[in-house]
Amino acid sequence: MRVGVVNRFDDDKRERYPFGPALRRLGATYVPIDVRDLRAYVGNEGPHLTVETRSGGPGVLFDDLGVDGVLWRVSENTFNDYHSVIEPISRHHPVINSLPCLLMCSDLTRAT
């Protein structure tokens, strides 16, 4: 199982983030995704989502990450800033957080 964890990561936080070690202990593959790298687009085939790279290389389609579920860990005070990327994610991938938790407490422990 591959679990994408969406957060605002810095280089150090990607590896020491609490969900990484916990997911590995459960046998899941931890896939850190920086919310600032997500881009929603509407193309000829409809809406899609890409994950850009900070190094200037080409982005990849979110679907190509091969995640089985997504844990949204972005602060509730920026939830509306990222609504355009939450919808395409939740349309194709299970979001582990419930919608009320996404709306009210996505950065709190009880949101998981």
Protein backbone atom coordinates (compact mmCIF):
# COMPACT_ATOMS: atom_id res chain seq x y z
CA MET A 1 0.00 0.00 0.00
CA ARG A 2 1.22 3.48 -0.88
CA VAL A 3 -0.02 6.44 1.16
CA GLY A 4 0.51 9.99 -0.05
CA VAL A 5 0.89 12.49 2.79
CA VAL A 6 0.18 16.04 1.65
CA ASN A 7 1.81 18.71 3.79
CA ARG A 8 4.08 21.74 3.52
CA PHE A 9 7.41 19.94 3.66
CA ASP A 10 10.91 21.28 3.90
CA ASP A 11 13.85 19.04 3.06
CA ASP A 12 14.41 17.97 6.67
CA LYS A 13 10.71 17.46 7.43
CA ARG A 14 10.17 14.94 4.63
CA GLU A 15 12.10 12.21 6.45
CA ARG A 16 11.45 13.03 10.08
CA TYR A 17 7.73 13.74 9.67
CA PRO A 18 5.80 11.51 12.13
CA PHE A 19 3.71 9.76 9.50
CA GLY A 20 6.73 8.50 7.55
CA PRO A 21 8.09 6.17 10.24
CA ALA A 22 4.59 5.15 11.37
CA LEU A 23 3.47 4.20 7.86
CA ARG A 24 6.69 2.26 7.27
CA ARG A 25 6.10 0.29 10.50
CA LEU A 26 2.65 -0.64 9.15
CA GLY A 27 4.24 -1.86 5.94
CA ALA A 28 2.96 1.03 3.85
CA THR A 29 5.08 3.09 1.51
CA TYR A 30 5.25 6.72 2.61
CA VAL A 31 4.96 9.18 -0.27
CA PRO A 32 5.53 12.78 0.91
CA ILE A 33 3.81 15.34 -1.33
CA ASP A 34 4.39 19.06 -0.83
CA VAL A 35 1.08 20.87 -1.24
CA ARG A 36 2.91 23.78 -2.89
CA ASP A 37 3.93 21.46 -5.73
CA LEU A 38 0.36 20.46 -6.65
CA ARG A 39 -1.17 22.06 -9.74
CA ALA A 40 -4.71 21.55 -11.00
CA TYR A 41 -5.32 21.91 -14.74
CA VAL A 42 -8.31 21.53 -17.01
CA GLY A 43 -7.26 19.94 -20.29
CA ASN A 44 -9.07 18.42 -23.24
CA GLU A 45 -9.71 15.25 -21.22
CA GLY A 46 -11.06 17.19 -18.22
CA PRO A 47 -9.43 18.19 -14.93
CA HIS A 48 -6.16 16.64 -13.89
CA LEU A 49 -3.54 17.20 -11.26
CA THR A 50 0.23 17.32 -11.51
CA VAL A 51 3.02 17.35 -8.96
CA GLU A 52 5.68 19.84 -10.06
CA THR A 53 9.34 19.54 -9.16
CA ARG A 54 11.26 22.30 -7.44
CA SER A 55 14.35 21.57 -9.50
CA GLY A 56 12.65 22.80 -12.66
CA GLY A 57 12.24 19.33 -14.13
CA PRO A 58 8.98 18.12 -15.63
CA GLY A 59 6.09 17.45 -13.28
CA VAL A 60 4.31 14.12 -13.03
CA LEU A 61 0.60 13.38 -13.06
CA PHE A 62 -0.73 12.78 -9.57
CA ASP A 63 -2.20 9.47 -10.78
CA ASP A 64 1.31 8.33 -11.77
CA LEU A 65 2.40 8.45 -8.11
CA GLY A 66 0.43 5.22 -7.64
CA VAL A 67 -0.92 6.10 -4.20
CA ASP A 68 -3.73 4.01 -2.72
CA GLY A 69 -4.87 6.74 -0.34
CA VAL A 70 -4.08 10.32 0.65
CA LEU A 71 -3.66 11.83 4.10
CA TRP A 72 -4.26 15.58 3.98
CA ARG A 73 -2.14 17.33 6.62
CA VAL A 74 -2.37 20.99 5.64
CA SER A 75 -3.51 23.57 8.17
CA GLU A 76 -7.18 24.46 8.18
CA ASN A 77 -6.40 28.14 7.76
CA THR A 78 -5.14 27.42 4.25
CA PHE A 79 -7.80 24.82 3.32
CA ASN A 80 -9.60 27.17 0.93
CA ASP A 81 -6.33 28.07 -0.80
CA TYR A 82 -5.97 24.43 -1.87
CA HIS A 83 -9.61 23.51 -2.57
CA SER A 84 -8.87 23.28 -6.30
CA VAL A 85 -6.43 20.42 -5.69
CA ILE A 86 -8.41 18.60 -2.99
CA GLU A 87 -11.34 17.98 -5.31
CA PRO A 88 -9.36 16.23 -8.08
CA ILE A 89 -7.48 14.16 -5.49
CA SER A 90 -10.64 13.00 -3.75
CA ARG A 91 -12.32 12.18 -7.04
CA HIS A 92 -9.75 9.48 -7.87
CA HIS A 93 -8.11 8.53 -4.56
CA PRO A 94 -9.49 7.78 -1.08
CA VAL A 95 -8.76 10.66 1.28
CA ILE A 96 -8.13 9.23 4.73
CA ASN A 97 -9.34 12.37 6.51
CA SER A 98 -13.11 12.78 6.59
CA LEU A 99 -14.58 15.93 4.99
CA PRO A 100 -15.54 17.49 8.36
CA CYS A 101 -11.97 16.96 9.53
CA LEU A 102 -10.64 18.44 6.32
CA LEU A 103 -12.82 21.49 6.82
CA MET A 104 -12.26 21.97 10.56
CA CYS A 105 -9.10 20.36 11.85
CA SER A 106 -6.93 18.98 9.10
CA ASP A 107 -3.75 19.83 10.96
CA LEU A 108 -4.79 18.27 14.27
CA THR A 109 -4.10 14.74 15.41
CA ARG A 110 -7.81 13.93 15.62
CA ALA A 111 -8.13 14.55 11.88
CA THR A 112 -6.55 11.18 11.23
